[in-house]
Amino acid sequence: MIRVMITDDHLIVREGLRLILETADTLEVVGEAVDGAECLRLVPELAPDVILMDLQMPRMDGITAIEHLRRDHPEIAIVILTTYNEDDLMIRGLQLGARGYLLKDTSRENLLDTIHAAAKGETLLKPEILARVLAPQSAPKPASVSQNESTLTERELEVLQSAARGERNKEIAYKLDITERTVKAHLASIYQKFGVDSRAAAVAVAAQKGLLG
C-alpha cells in the first residue's frame, strides 16, 4: 500500500484528487495540507511515501517545501502538481529532486501511473508534458557547456533521451540491446555528472542545456 499525501491550497483540487486516489486499491490517502508549511509539519506524523505538491501556495510555496523535504526526508517521493503556465517552476522543482510532475487536468490513469512510478523510484514523463518543459529551449543555446555535461558518452545520451520519452528501464534495455543493470549504471553516471539524484532531475537539466533536441 502506497501512502499518499496531498498538498494544495485549493479545497476542490484536494477533494478531487482524494476521490480519484481512493478508487485505487494500492493507494491510501494519509492526509492533506493547505501549504508547504503544513506539509512539513505533518510529514513526520503521516509518514507518506509520495507527496503530491502544488507549486504556488500561500505562506510556503511548493519549491521551498521541496527543498526542505529533499534535505530532511529524501526517502519521500515528490510529484509536482502544475499548470500549463508554470514551466519554469516545474523545471526548478525537478532539479531540486521531485520525481515527476502532473498537470492538474491529467487523466486518472496518468495520475495513478505517475504515483506508482514515483513510489518505485521511477518517473513517467509523458511526451505532451515534456514538450512544455522543452518549449523554452527554442532559444539559442548557451555558448558554453560545462566539463561534466560535455563528457556524456554517446550511450549515456541515448539512455537519457529514452528516459526523456518516458521509457522505463526494461524498455530502454530492450531497445538498446543491453541489460537493465547496464541501463541503471548509465543513469547513475549521468546523475553524478549532472549533480542530481533522479531521472526527472536529469531530464530537466538536459532540457535546459539543450541536450535532448
N, C-alpha and C. Protein backbone atom coordinates (compact mmCIF):
# COMPACT_ATOMS: atom_id res chain seq x y z
N MET A 1 0.85 -1.20 0.00
CA MET A 1 0.00 0.00 0.00
C MET A 1 0.88 1.25 0.00
N ILE A 2 0.65 2.13 -0.96
CA ILE A 2 1.42 3.35 -1.08
C ILE A 2 0.69 4.47 -0.35
N ARG A 3 1.39 5.11 0.59
CA ARG A 3 0.81 6.17 1.40
C ARG A 3 1.01 7.52 0.69
N VAL A 4 -0.09 8.19 0.38
CA VAL A 4 -0.04 9.42 -0.40
C VAL A 4 -0.55 10.60 0.42
N MET A 5 0.17 11.72 0.29
CA MET A 5 -0.26 12.96 0.94
C MET A 5 -0.49 14.01 -0.14
N ILE A 6 -1.54 14.80 -0.01
CA ILE A 6 -1.89 15.83 -0.99
C ILE A 6 -1.63 17.20 -0.39
N THR A 7 -0.84 18.02 -1.09
CA THR A 7 -0.57 19.38 -0.62
C THR A 7 -0.98 20.37 -1.70
N ASP A 8 -2.07 21.09 -1.43
CA ASP A 8 -2.60 22.07 -2.39
C ASP A 8 -3.50 23.02 -1.62
N ASP A 9 -3.46 24.31 -1.98
CA ASP A 9 -4.24 25.28 -1.21
C ASP A 9 -5.69 25.36 -1.66
N HIS A 10 -6.06 24.64 -2.73
CA HIS A 10 -7.44 24.66 -3.20
C HIS A 10 -8.18 23.40 -2.75
N LEU A 11 -9.24 23.62 -1.98
CA LEU A 11 -10.01 22.51 -1.44
C LEU A 11 -10.56 21.61 -2.54
N ILE A 12 -11.05 22.20 -3.62
CA ILE A 12 -11.66 21.41 -4.69
C ILE A 12 -10.64 20.49 -5.36
N VAL A 13 -9.39 20.96 -5.44
CA VAL A 13 -8.33 20.12 -6.01
C VAL A 13 -8.03 18.95 -5.08
N ARG A 14 -7.90 19.23 -3.79
CA ARG A 14 -7.62 18.17 -2.82
C ARG A 14 -8.73 17.13 -2.80
N GLU A 15 -9.97 17.60 -2.80
CA GLU A 15 -11.10 16.67 -2.75
C GLU A 15 -11.17 15.83 -4.02
N GLY A 16 -10.92 16.46 -5.16
CA GLY A 16 -10.95 15.73 -6.42
C GLY A 16 -9.88 14.65 -6.48
N LEU A 17 -8.68 15.01 -6.05
CA LEU A 17 -7.59 14.03 -6.04
C LEU A 17 -7.89 12.89 -5.08
N ARG A 18 -8.40 13.22 -3.90
CA ARG A 18 -8.72 12.19 -2.92
C ARG A 18 -9.75 11.20 -3.47
N LEU A 19 -10.78 11.73 -4.11
CA LEU A 19 -11.83 10.86 -4.66
C LEU A 19 -11.25 9.89 -5.69
N ILE A 20 -10.34 10.39 -6.52
CA ILE A 20 -9.73 9.52 -7.53
C ILE A 20 -8.82 8.49 -6.88
N LEU A 21 -7.97 8.94 -5.97
CA LEU A 21 -6.99 8.04 -5.35
C LEU A 21 -7.66 6.96 -4.52
N GLU A 22 -8.79 7.29 -3.92
CA GLU A 22 -9.47 6.30 -3.09
C GLU A 22 -10.10 5.18 -3.90
N THR A 23 -10.13 5.32 -5.22
CA THR A 23 -10.65 4.23 -6.06
C THR A 23 -9.57 3.18 -6.35
N ALA A 24 -8.32 3.48 -5.98
CA ALA A 24 -7.21 2.55 -6.25
C ALA A 24 -6.92 1.71 -5.01
N ASP A 25 -6.93 0.41 -5.17
CA ASP A 25 -6.71 -0.49 -4.04
C ASP A 25 -5.29 -0.41 -3.48
N THR A 26 -4.35 0.07 -4.30
CA THR A 26 -2.94 0.08 -3.89
C THR A 26 -2.52 1.38 -3.23
N LEU A 27 -3.43 2.35 -3.16
CA LEU A 27 -3.09 3.67 -2.61
C LEU A 27 -3.92 3.99 -1.38
N GLU A 28 -3.31 4.71 -0.44
CA GLU A 28 -4.02 5.18 0.74
C GLU A 28 -3.69 6.66 0.93
N VAL A 29 -4.71 7.51 0.94
CA VAL A 29 -4.51 8.94 1.21
C VAL A 29 -4.41 9.12 2.72
N VAL A 30 -3.21 9.48 3.19
CA VAL A 30 -2.99 9.55 4.64
C VAL A 30 -3.20 10.95 5.19
N GLY A 31 -3.32 11.95 4.31
CA GLY A 31 -3.54 13.30 4.82
C GLY A 31 -3.46 14.35 3.74
N GLU A 32 -3.83 15.58 4.13
CA GLU A 32 -3.81 16.72 3.22
C GLU A 32 -3.17 17.91 3.93
N ALA A 33 -2.60 18.81 3.13
CA ALA A 33 -2.03 20.05 3.67
C ALA A 33 -2.41 21.19 2.74
N VAL A 34 -2.60 22.38 3.31
CA VAL A 34 -3.04 23.53 2.52
C VAL A 34 -1.87 24.36 2.01
N ASP A 35 -0.66 24.11 2.51
CA ASP A 35 0.53 24.81 2.03
C ASP A 35 1.78 24.04 2.44
N GLY A 36 2.93 24.54 2.01
CA GLY A 36 4.17 23.85 2.29
C GLY A 36 4.48 23.73 3.77
N ALA A 37 4.15 24.78 4.53
CA ALA A 37 4.45 24.77 5.97
C ALA A 37 3.67 23.66 6.67
N GLU A 38 2.38 23.54 6.36
CA GLU A 38 1.58 22.49 6.98
C GLU A 38 2.06 21.11 6.53
N CYS A 39 2.47 21.01 5.29
CA CYS A 39 3.00 19.74 4.78
C CYS A 39 4.20 19.30 5.60
N LEU A 40 5.16 20.20 5.81
CA LEU A 40 6.36 19.86 6.57
C LEU A 40 6.02 19.49 8.01
N ARG A 41 5.02 20.15 8.57
CA ARG A 41 4.63 19.87 9.95
C ARG A 41 4.00 18.48 10.08
N LEU A 42 3.24 18.07 9.06
CA LEU A 42 2.50 16.81 9.14
C LEU A 42 3.31 15.60 8.70
N VAL A 43 4.35 15.80 7.91
CA VAL A 43 5.10 14.67 7.35
C VAL A 43 5.61 13.68 8.40
N PRO A 44 6.23 14.12 9.50
CA PRO A 44 6.71 13.14 10.49
C PRO A 44 5.59 12.27 11.06
N GLU A 45 4.40 12.86 11.21
CA GLU A 45 3.26 12.13 11.77
C GLU A 45 2.63 11.19 10.75
N LEU A 46 2.49 11.66 9.51
CA LEU A 46 1.77 10.89 8.49
C LEU A 46 2.65 9.89 7.75
N ALA A 47 3.95 10.14 7.70
CA ALA A 47 4.92 9.25 7.04
C ALA A 47 4.46 8.82 5.64
N PRO A 48 4.25 9.78 4.74
CA PRO A 48 3.82 9.41 3.38
C PRO A 48 4.97 8.83 2.57
N ASP A 49 4.62 8.01 1.59
CA ASP A 49 5.60 7.51 0.62
C ASP A 49 5.73 8.47 -0.55
N VAL A 50 4.60 9.09 -0.93
CA VAL A 50 4.55 10.02 -2.05
C VAL A 50 3.76 11.25 -1.64
N ILE A 51 4.28 12.43 -2.01
CA ILE A 51 3.57 13.68 -1.77
C ILE A 51 3.24 14.33 -3.10
N LEU A 52 1.97 14.65 -3.33
CA LEU A 52 1.55 15.44 -4.47
C LEU A 52 1.65 16.91 -4.05
N MET A 53 2.52 17.67 -4.72
CA MET A 53 2.88 19.01 -4.25
C MET A 53 2.51 20.10 -5.25
N ASP A 54 1.60 20.98 -4.83
CA ASP A 54 1.30 22.17 -5.63
C ASP A 54 2.52 23.09 -5.57
N LEU A 55 2.67 23.97 -6.55
CA LEU A 55 3.83 24.86 -6.58
C LEU A 55 3.54 26.23 -5.99
N GLN A 56 2.39 26.80 -6.32
CA GLN A 56 2.09 28.15 -5.84
C GLN A 56 1.04 28.09 -4.74
N MET A 57 1.51 28.36 -3.51
CA MET A 57 0.64 28.32 -2.33
C MET A 57 1.04 29.46 -1.40
N PRO A 58 0.12 29.92 -0.54
CA PRO A 58 0.44 30.97 0.42
C PRO A 58 1.35 30.44 1.53
N ARG A 59 1.88 31.32 2.31
CA ARG A 59 2.80 31.04 3.44
C ARG A 59 4.09 30.40 2.97
N MET A 60 4.03 29.13 2.52
CA MET A 60 5.22 28.47 1.98
C MET A 60 4.87 27.79 0.68
N ASP A 61 5.58 28.15 -0.40
CA ASP A 61 5.27 27.58 -1.70
C ASP A 61 5.86 26.18 -1.84
N GLY A 62 5.50 25.52 -2.96
CA GLY A 62 5.93 24.15 -3.16
C GLY A 62 7.43 24.00 -3.36
N ILE A 63 8.07 24.98 -4.03
CA ILE A 63 9.51 24.91 -4.26
C ILE A 63 10.25 24.90 -2.93
N THR A 64 9.89 25.80 -2.03
CA THR A 64 10.54 25.85 -0.71
C THR A 64 10.31 24.55 0.06
N ALA A 65 9.08 24.03 -0.02
CA ALA A 65 8.77 22.78 0.68
C ALA A 65 9.59 21.62 0.11
N ILE A 66 9.76 21.59 -1.20
CA ILE A 66 10.56 20.52 -1.82
C ILE A 66 12.00 20.59 -1.34
N GLU A 67 12.54 21.79 -1.23
CA GLU A 67 13.92 21.95 -0.73
C GLU A 67 14.06 21.35 0.66
N HIS A 68 13.12 21.64 1.55
CA HIS A 68 13.15 21.10 2.91
C HIS A 68 12.98 19.59 2.92
N LEU A 69 12.05 19.09 2.12
CA LEU A 69 11.77 17.65 2.10
C LEU A 69 12.96 16.86 1.55
N ARG A 70 13.58 17.35 0.51
CA ARG A 70 14.72 16.63 -0.06
C ARG A 70 15.88 16.59 0.93
N ARG A 71 16.01 17.61 1.75
CA ARG A 71 17.08 17.65 2.75
C ARG A 71 16.77 16.78 3.96
N ASP A 72 15.53 16.87 4.45
CA ASP A 72 15.18 16.21 5.72
C ASP A 72 14.50 14.86 5.54
N HIS A 73 13.85 14.63 4.40
CA HIS A 73 13.14 13.37 4.16
C HIS A 73 13.38 12.89 2.73
N PRO A 74 14.63 12.59 2.38
CA PRO A 74 14.95 12.22 0.99
C PRO A 74 14.28 10.94 0.52
N GLU A 75 13.77 10.14 1.46
CA GLU A 75 13.12 8.89 1.08
C GLU A 75 11.73 9.10 0.51
N ILE A 76 11.15 10.27 0.69
CA ILE A 76 9.79 10.55 0.21
C ILE A 76 9.85 10.99 -1.25
N ALA A 77 9.02 10.38 -2.08
CA ALA A 77 8.93 10.77 -3.49
C ALA A 77 7.96 11.94 -3.63
N ILE A 78 8.39 12.96 -4.36
CA ILE A 78 7.56 14.15 -4.55
C ILE A 78 7.12 14.23 -6.02
N VAL A 79 5.83 14.42 -6.23
CA VAL A 79 5.29 14.61 -7.57
C VAL A 79 4.66 16.00 -7.61
N ILE A 80 5.14 16.83 -8.53
CA ILE A 80 4.66 18.21 -8.64
C ILE A 80 3.29 18.26 -9.31
N LEU A 81 2.40 19.06 -8.75
CA LEU A 81 1.12 19.37 -9.39
C LEU A 81 1.29 20.72 -10.07
N THR A 82 1.12 20.78 -11.37
CA THR A 82 1.43 22.01 -12.09
C THR A 82 0.36 22.36 -13.11
N THR A 83 0.43 23.59 -13.59
CA THR A 83 -0.46 24.06 -14.64
C THR A 83 0.39 24.44 -15.85
N TYR A 84 -0.28 24.75 -16.94
CA TYR A 84 0.44 24.99 -18.20
C TYR A 84 1.34 26.21 -18.16
N ASN A 85 1.14 27.14 -17.23
CA ASN A 85 1.95 28.36 -17.23
C ASN A 85 3.01 28.35 -16.13
N GLU A 86 3.41 27.16 -15.67
CA GLU A 86 4.38 27.07 -14.59
C GLU A 86 5.63 26.29 -15.00
N ASP A 87 6.02 26.37 -16.28
CA ASP A 87 7.14 25.57 -16.76
C ASP A 87 8.43 25.86 -15.99
N ASP A 88 8.74 27.12 -15.76
CA ASP A 88 9.98 27.47 -15.07
C ASP A 88 10.01 26.90 -13.66
N LEU A 89 8.88 27.02 -12.96
CA LEU A 89 8.80 26.47 -11.61
C LEU A 89 8.91 24.95 -11.64
N MET A 90 8.28 24.33 -12.64
CA MET A 90 8.33 22.88 -12.76
C MET A 90 9.77 22.39 -12.93
N ILE A 91 10.50 23.03 -13.83
CA ILE A 91 11.89 22.64 -14.06
C ILE A 91 12.70 22.80 -12.78
N ARG A 92 12.48 23.89 -12.08
CA ARG A 92 13.21 24.11 -10.82
C ARG A 92 12.88 23.03 -9.81
N GLY A 93 11.61 22.66 -9.71
CA GLY A 93 11.22 21.61 -8.78
C GLY A 93 11.85 20.28 -9.12
N LEU A 94 11.93 19.96 -10.42
CA LEU A 94 12.56 18.71 -10.85
C LEU A 94 14.05 18.72 -10.54
N GLN A 95 14.68 19.86 -10.74
CA GLN A 95 16.10 19.96 -10.44
C GLN A 95 16.37 19.80 -8.94
N LEU A 96 15.41 20.20 -8.12
CA LEU A 96 15.57 20.06 -6.68
C LEU A 96 15.35 18.63 -6.20
N GLY A 97 14.83 17.78 -7.09
CA GLY A 97 14.71 16.37 -6.72
C GLY A 97 13.32 15.77 -6.79
N ALA A 98 12.31 16.54 -7.22
CA ALA A 98 10.99 15.94 -7.41
C ALA A 98 11.09 14.84 -8.46
N ARG A 99 10.36 13.75 -8.27
CA ARG A 99 10.48 12.60 -9.16
C ARG A 99 9.57 12.65 -10.37
N GLY A 100 8.69 13.62 -10.41
CA GLY A 100 7.79 13.69 -11.55
C GLY A 100 6.87 14.89 -11.42
N TYR A 101 6.00 15.03 -12.39
CA TYR A 101 5.07 16.14 -12.38
C TYR A 101 3.79 15.74 -13.09
N LEU A 102 2.70 16.38 -12.67
CA LEU A 102 1.38 16.11 -13.24
C LEU A 102 0.68 17.41 -13.53
N LEU A 103 0.06 17.51 -14.69
CA LEU A 103 -0.84 18.62 -14.93
C LEU A 103 -2.11 18.41 -14.12
N LYS A 104 -2.68 19.49 -13.63
CA LYS A 104 -3.84 19.35 -12.75
C LYS A 104 -5.07 18.81 -13.47
N ASP A 105 -5.07 18.82 -14.79
CA ASP A 105 -6.20 18.24 -15.53
C ASP A 105 -5.83 16.88 -16.12
N THR A 106 -4.86 16.21 -15.52
CA THR A 106 -4.40 14.92 -16.02
C THR A 106 -5.48 13.86 -15.89
N SER A 107 -5.30 12.77 -16.60
CA SER A 107 -6.26 11.67 -16.54
C SER A 107 -6.04 10.83 -15.28
N ARG A 108 -7.06 10.08 -14.90
CA ARG A 108 -6.95 9.18 -13.74
C ARG A 108 -5.82 8.18 -13.96
N GLU A 109 -5.73 7.63 -15.17
CA GLU A 109 -4.71 6.63 -15.45
C GLU A 109 -3.31 7.20 -15.30
N ASN A 110 -3.11 8.40 -15.81
CA ASN A 110 -1.80 9.03 -15.71
C ASN A 110 -1.46 9.37 -14.27
N LEU A 111 -2.44 9.82 -13.51
CA LEU A 111 -2.24 10.14 -12.10
C LEU A 111 -1.76 8.91 -11.34
N LEU A 112 -2.47 7.80 -11.50
CA LEU A 112 -2.12 6.58 -10.78
C LEU A 112 -0.78 6.02 -11.25
N ASP A 113 -0.54 6.02 -12.56
CA ASP A 113 0.73 5.51 -13.09
C ASP A 113 1.92 6.32 -12.56
N THR A 114 1.75 7.64 -12.52
CA THR A 114 2.84 8.51 -12.07
C THR A 114 3.15 8.27 -10.59
N ILE A 115 2.11 8.11 -9.78
CA ILE A 115 2.33 7.86 -8.35
C ILE A 115 3.02 6.52 -8.14
N HIS A 116 2.56 5.49 -8.83
CA HIS A 116 3.19 4.18 -8.69
C HIS A 116 4.65 4.22 -9.13
N ALA A 117 4.92 4.91 -10.24
CA ALA A 117 6.30 5.02 -10.72
C ALA A 117 7.17 5.76 -9.72
N ALA A 118 6.66 6.87 -9.17
CA ALA A 118 7.43 7.65 -8.20
C ALA A 118 7.74 6.83 -6.96
N ALA A 119 6.77 6.04 -6.51
CA ALA A 119 6.98 5.21 -5.32
C ALA A 119 8.07 4.17 -5.54
N LYS A 120 8.27 3.77 -6.80
CA LYS A 120 9.31 2.79 -7.14
C LYS A 120 10.62 3.45 -7.54
N GLY A 121 10.66 4.78 -7.46
CA GLY A 121 11.88 5.47 -7.83
C GLY A 121 12.00 5.75 -9.31
N GLU A 122 10.91 5.52 -10.07
CA GLU A 122 10.91 5.78 -11.50
C GLU A 122 10.11 7.05 -11.78
N THR A 123 10.15 7.50 -13.02
CA THR A 123 9.40 8.67 -13.42
C THR A 123 8.80 8.44 -14.79
N LEU A 124 7.51 8.73 -14.93
CA LEU A 124 6.86 8.66 -16.23
C LEU A 124 6.75 10.07 -16.79
N LEU A 125 7.49 10.35 -17.85
CA LEU A 125 7.48 11.66 -18.47
C LEU A 125 6.69 11.59 -19.77
N LYS A 126 5.46 12.02 -19.73
CA LYS A 126 4.60 11.96 -20.91
C LYS A 126 5.09 12.95 -21.97
N PRO A 127 5.10 12.55 -23.23
CA PRO A 127 5.62 13.42 -24.29
C PRO A 127 4.95 14.79 -24.34
N GLU A 128 3.62 14.83 -24.14
CA GLU A 128 2.94 16.11 -24.24
C GLU A 128 3.32 17.06 -23.10
N ILE A 129 3.66 16.49 -21.94
CA ILE A 129 4.10 17.33 -20.83
C ILE A 129 5.56 17.73 -21.03
N LEU A 130 6.38 16.80 -21.49
CA LEU A 130 7.78 17.10 -21.74
C LEU A 130 7.91 18.22 -22.76
N ALA A 131 7.00 18.26 -23.73
CA ALA A 131 7.03 19.31 -24.74
C ALA A 131 6.91 20.69 -24.10
N ARG A 132 6.13 20.78 -23.02
CA ARG A 132 6.00 22.05 -22.31
C ARG A 132 7.32 22.43 -21.65
N VAL A 133 8.03 21.44 -21.15
CA VAL A 133 9.32 21.70 -20.49
C VAL A 133 10.36 22.14 -21.51
N LEU A 134 10.31 21.52 -22.70
CA LEU A 134 11.31 21.79 -23.72
C LEU A 134 11.02 23.04 -24.52
N ALA A 135 9.80 23.56 -24.45
CA ALA A 135 9.42 24.71 -25.28
C ALA A 135 10.37 25.89 -25.17
N PRO A 136 10.81 26.28 -23.96
CA PRO A 136 11.72 27.44 -23.87
C PRO A 136 13.07 27.19 -24.52
N GLN A 137 13.38 25.93 -24.84
CA GLN A 137 14.70 25.62 -25.38
C GLN A 137 14.83 25.99 -26.85
N SER A 138 13.77 26.57 -27.44
CA SER A 138 13.87 27.00 -28.83
C SER A 138 14.78 28.22 -28.96
N ALA A 139 15.07 28.85 -27.82
CA ALA A 139 16.00 29.98 -27.82
C ALA A 139 17.41 29.47 -28.10
N PRO A 140 18.33 30.35 -28.55
CA PRO A 140 19.70 29.91 -28.82
C PRO A 140 20.33 29.27 -27.60
N LYS A 141 21.10 28.23 -27.83
CA LYS A 141 21.74 27.53 -26.73
C LYS A 141 22.88 28.37 -26.17
N PRO A 142 23.18 28.22 -24.88
CA PRO A 142 24.32 28.92 -24.30
C PRO A 142 25.61 28.51 -25.01
N ALA A 143 26.53 29.44 -25.10
CA ALA A 143 27.77 29.15 -25.82
C ALA A 143 28.64 28.14 -25.09
N SER A 144 28.55 28.14 -23.77
CA SER A 144 29.43 27.26 -23.01
C SER A 144 28.67 26.09 -22.43
N VAL A 145 29.33 24.94 -22.39
CA VAL A 145 28.80 23.75 -21.75
C VAL A 145 29.83 23.28 -20.75
N SER A 146 29.38 22.94 -19.55
CA SER A 146 30.35 22.59 -18.51
C SER A 146 31.09 21.31 -18.84
N GLN A 147 32.20 21.10 -18.13
CA GLN A 147 33.04 19.93 -18.36
C GLN A 147 32.24 18.64 -18.25
N ASN A 148 31.45 18.51 -17.18
CA ASN A 148 30.72 17.27 -16.97
C ASN A 148 29.67 17.04 -18.06
N GLU A 149 28.93 18.09 -18.43
CA GLU A 149 27.89 17.92 -19.42
C GLU A 149 28.46 17.51 -20.77
N SER A 150 29.67 18.01 -21.08
CA SER A 150 30.25 17.71 -22.39
C SER A 150 30.83 16.30 -22.44
N THR A 151 30.93 15.62 -21.29
CA THR A 151 31.54 14.30 -21.26
C THR A 151 30.53 13.16 -21.22
N LEU A 152 29.25 13.44 -21.48
CA LEU A 152 28.27 12.36 -21.60
C LEU A 152 28.68 11.49 -22.79
N THR A 153 28.72 10.18 -22.57
CA THR A 153 29.05 9.29 -23.69
C THR A 153 27.86 9.19 -24.63
N GLU A 154 28.11 8.66 -25.81
CA GLU A 154 27.03 8.51 -26.79
C GLU A 154 25.93 7.60 -26.23
N ARG A 155 26.32 6.53 -25.54
CA ARG A 155 25.33 5.60 -24.98
C ARG A 155 24.56 6.26 -23.84
N GLU A 156 25.25 7.06 -23.02
CA GLU A 156 24.56 7.77 -21.94
C GLU A 156 23.52 8.73 -22.52
N LEU A 157 23.87 9.40 -23.60
CA LEU A 157 22.92 10.32 -24.23
C LEU A 157 21.73 9.56 -24.78
N GLU A 158 21.95 8.37 -25.35
CA GLU A 158 20.85 7.54 -25.85
C GLU A 158 19.92 7.14 -24.71
N VAL A 159 20.51 6.73 -23.58
CA VAL A 159 19.72 6.35 -22.41
C VAL A 159 18.92 7.54 -21.89
N LEU A 160 19.57 8.70 -21.83
CA LEU A 160 18.91 9.90 -21.32
C LEU A 160 17.76 10.32 -22.23
N GLN A 161 17.96 10.26 -23.53
CA GLN A 161 16.90 10.63 -24.47
C GLN A 161 15.73 9.66 -24.38
N SER A 162 16.02 8.38 -24.17
CA SER A 162 14.94 7.39 -23.99
C SER A 162 14.18 7.67 -22.70
N ALA A 163 14.91 8.00 -21.64
CA ALA A 163 14.26 8.33 -20.37
C ALA A 163 13.37 9.56 -20.52
N ALA A 164 13.82 10.52 -21.32
CA ALA A 164 13.03 11.74 -21.54
C ALA A 164 11.74 11.45 -22.27
N ARG A 165 11.70 10.36 -23.04
CA ARG A 165 10.48 9.97 -23.74
C ARG A 165 9.55 9.15 -22.85
N GLY A 166 9.95 8.94 -21.60
CA GLY A 166 9.10 8.22 -20.66
C GLY A 166 9.29 6.72 -20.66
N GLU A 167 10.33 6.21 -21.33
CA GLU A 167 10.56 4.77 -21.39
C GLU A 167 11.14 4.27 -20.06
N ARG A 168 10.70 3.11 -19.63
CA ARG A 168 11.20 2.51 -18.40
C ARG A 168 12.51 1.79 -18.67
N ASN A 169 13.20 1.42 -17.58
CA ASN A 169 14.50 0.77 -17.72
C ASN A 169 14.42 -0.48 -18.60
N LYS A 170 13.37 -1.27 -18.42
CA LYS A 170 13.23 -2.50 -19.20
C LYS A 170 13.08 -2.18 -20.68
N GLU A 171 12.32 -1.14 -21.00
CA GLU A 171 12.12 -0.76 -22.40
C GLU A 171 13.41 -0.22 -23.02
N ILE A 172 14.14 0.57 -22.24
CA ILE A 172 15.41 1.12 -22.72
C ILE A 172 16.40 -0.01 -22.99
N ALA A 173 16.46 -0.96 -22.06
CA ALA A 173 17.39 -2.09 -22.20
C ALA A 173 17.08 -2.89 -23.46
N TYR A 174 15.80 -3.14 -23.70
CA TYR A 174 15.40 -3.92 -24.88
C TYR A 174 15.76 -3.18 -26.17
N LYS A 175 15.47 -1.88 -26.22
CA LYS A 175 15.71 -1.11 -27.44
C LYS A 175 17.20 -0.99 -27.75
N LEU A 176 18.02 -0.82 -26.70
CA LEU A 176 19.45 -0.62 -26.90
C LEU A 176 20.23 -1.93 -26.85
N ASP A 177 19.51 -3.05 -26.62
CA ASP A 177 20.14 -4.37 -26.56
C ASP A 177 21.21 -4.44 -25.47
N ILE A 178 20.85 -3.92 -24.29
CA ILE A 178 21.72 -4.02 -23.12
C ILE A 178 20.88 -4.50 -21.94
N THR A 179 21.51 -4.77 -20.81
CA THR A 179 20.78 -5.26 -19.65
C THR A 179 20.20 -4.09 -18.85
N GLU A 180 19.19 -4.39 -18.03
CA GLU A 180 18.64 -3.36 -17.16
C GLU A 180 19.71 -2.85 -16.20
N ARG A 181 20.58 -3.74 -15.77
CA ARG A 181 21.65 -3.34 -14.85
C ARG A 181 22.56 -2.30 -15.52
N THR A 182 22.82 -2.49 -16.81
CA THR A 182 23.65 -1.53 -17.54
C THR A 182 22.93 -0.19 -17.69
N VAL A 183 21.63 -0.24 -17.93
CA VAL A 183 20.85 1.00 -18.00
C VAL A 183 20.96 1.77 -16.69
N LYS A 184 20.81 1.06 -15.58
CA LYS A 184 20.91 1.72 -14.26
C LYS A 184 22.29 2.31 -14.05
N ALA A 185 23.33 1.61 -14.53
CA ALA A 185 24.70 2.11 -14.39
C ALA A 185 24.88 3.40 -15.19
N HIS A 186 24.32 3.42 -16.40
CA HIS A 186 24.42 4.63 -17.22
C HIS A 186 23.67 5.79 -16.55
N LEU A 187 22.50 5.51 -16.01
CA LEU A 187 21.74 6.56 -15.33
C LEU A 187 22.50 7.09 -14.12
N ALA A 188 23.11 6.18 -13.37
CA ALA A 188 23.89 6.60 -12.19
C ALA A 188 25.04 7.52 -12.61
N SER A 189 25.68 7.19 -13.72
CA SER A 189 26.77 8.02 -14.22
C SER A 189 26.27 9.40 -14.64
N ILE A 190 25.11 9.43 -15.29
CA ILE A 190 24.52 10.70 -15.71
C ILE A 190 24.18 11.55 -14.49
N TYR A 191 23.57 10.92 -13.47
CA TYR A 191 23.21 11.65 -12.25
C TYR A 191 24.45 12.29 -11.64
N GLN A 192 25.54 11.53 -11.59
CA GLN A 192 26.77 12.04 -10.99
C GLN A 192 27.31 13.24 -11.77
N LYS A 193 27.28 13.13 -13.09
CA LYS A 193 27.80 14.21 -13.92
C LYS A 193 26.94 15.47 -13.82
N PHE A 194 25.64 15.28 -13.66
CA PHE A 194 24.72 16.43 -13.58
C PHE A 194 24.55 16.94 -12.15
N GLY A 195 25.00 16.17 -11.18
CA GLY A 195 24.82 16.56 -9.79
C GLY A 195 23.38 16.47 -9.33
N VAL A 196 22.66 15.44 -9.82
CA VAL A 196 21.27 15.23 -9.45
C VAL A 196 21.10 13.82 -8.91
N ASP A 197 19.89 13.51 -8.44
CA ASP A 197 19.67 12.17 -7.87
C ASP A 197 18.39 11.52 -8.36
N SER A 198 17.85 11.99 -9.48
CA SER A 198 16.65 11.36 -10.01
C SER A 198 16.60 11.51 -11.52
N ARG A 199 15.81 10.64 -12.14
CA ARG A 199 15.65 10.67 -13.59
C ARG A 199 15.00 11.97 -14.04
N ALA A 200 13.97 12.40 -13.32
CA ALA A 200 13.28 13.63 -13.69
C ALA A 200 14.22 14.83 -13.63
N ALA A 201 15.06 14.88 -12.60
CA ALA A 201 16.00 16.00 -12.47
C ALA A 201 17.02 15.99 -13.60
N ALA A 202 17.49 14.79 -13.98
CA ALA A 202 18.46 14.68 -15.07
C ALA A 202 17.85 15.17 -16.38
N VAL A 203 16.59 14.78 -16.64
CA VAL A 203 15.91 15.21 -17.86
C VAL A 203 15.71 16.73 -17.85
N ALA A 204 15.38 17.28 -16.69
CA ALA A 204 15.18 18.72 -16.60
C ALA A 204 16.48 19.47 -16.90
N VAL A 205 17.59 19.00 -16.34
CA VAL A 205 18.88 19.63 -16.60
C VAL A 205 19.24 19.53 -18.07
N ALA A 206 19.04 18.33 -18.64
CA ALA A 206 19.35 18.12 -20.06
C ALA A 206 18.51 19.03 -20.94
N ALA A 207 17.24 19.22 -20.57
CA ALA A 207 16.36 20.09 -21.33
C ALA A 207 16.85 21.53 -21.31
N GLN A 208 17.25 21.99 -20.12
CA GLN A 208 17.74 23.37 -20.00
C GLN A 208 19.01 23.58 -20.81
N LYS A 209 19.83 22.53 -20.91
CA LYS A 209 21.11 22.65 -21.62
C LYS A 209 20.98 22.33 -23.11
N GLY A 210 19.77 22.00 -23.54
CA GLY A 210 19.58 21.72 -24.95
C GLY A 210 20.18 20.41 -25.42
N LEU A 211 20.31 19.45 -24.52
CA LEU A 211 20.94 18.17 -24.86
C LEU A 211 19.96 17.14 -25.42
N LEU A 212 18.68 17.47 -25.45
CA LEU A 212 17.68 16.49 -25.89
C LEU A 212 17.17 16.77 -27.29
N GLY A 213 17.48 17.94 -27.82
CA GLY A 213 16.94 18.31 -29.11
C GLY A 213 17.87 18.05 -30.27
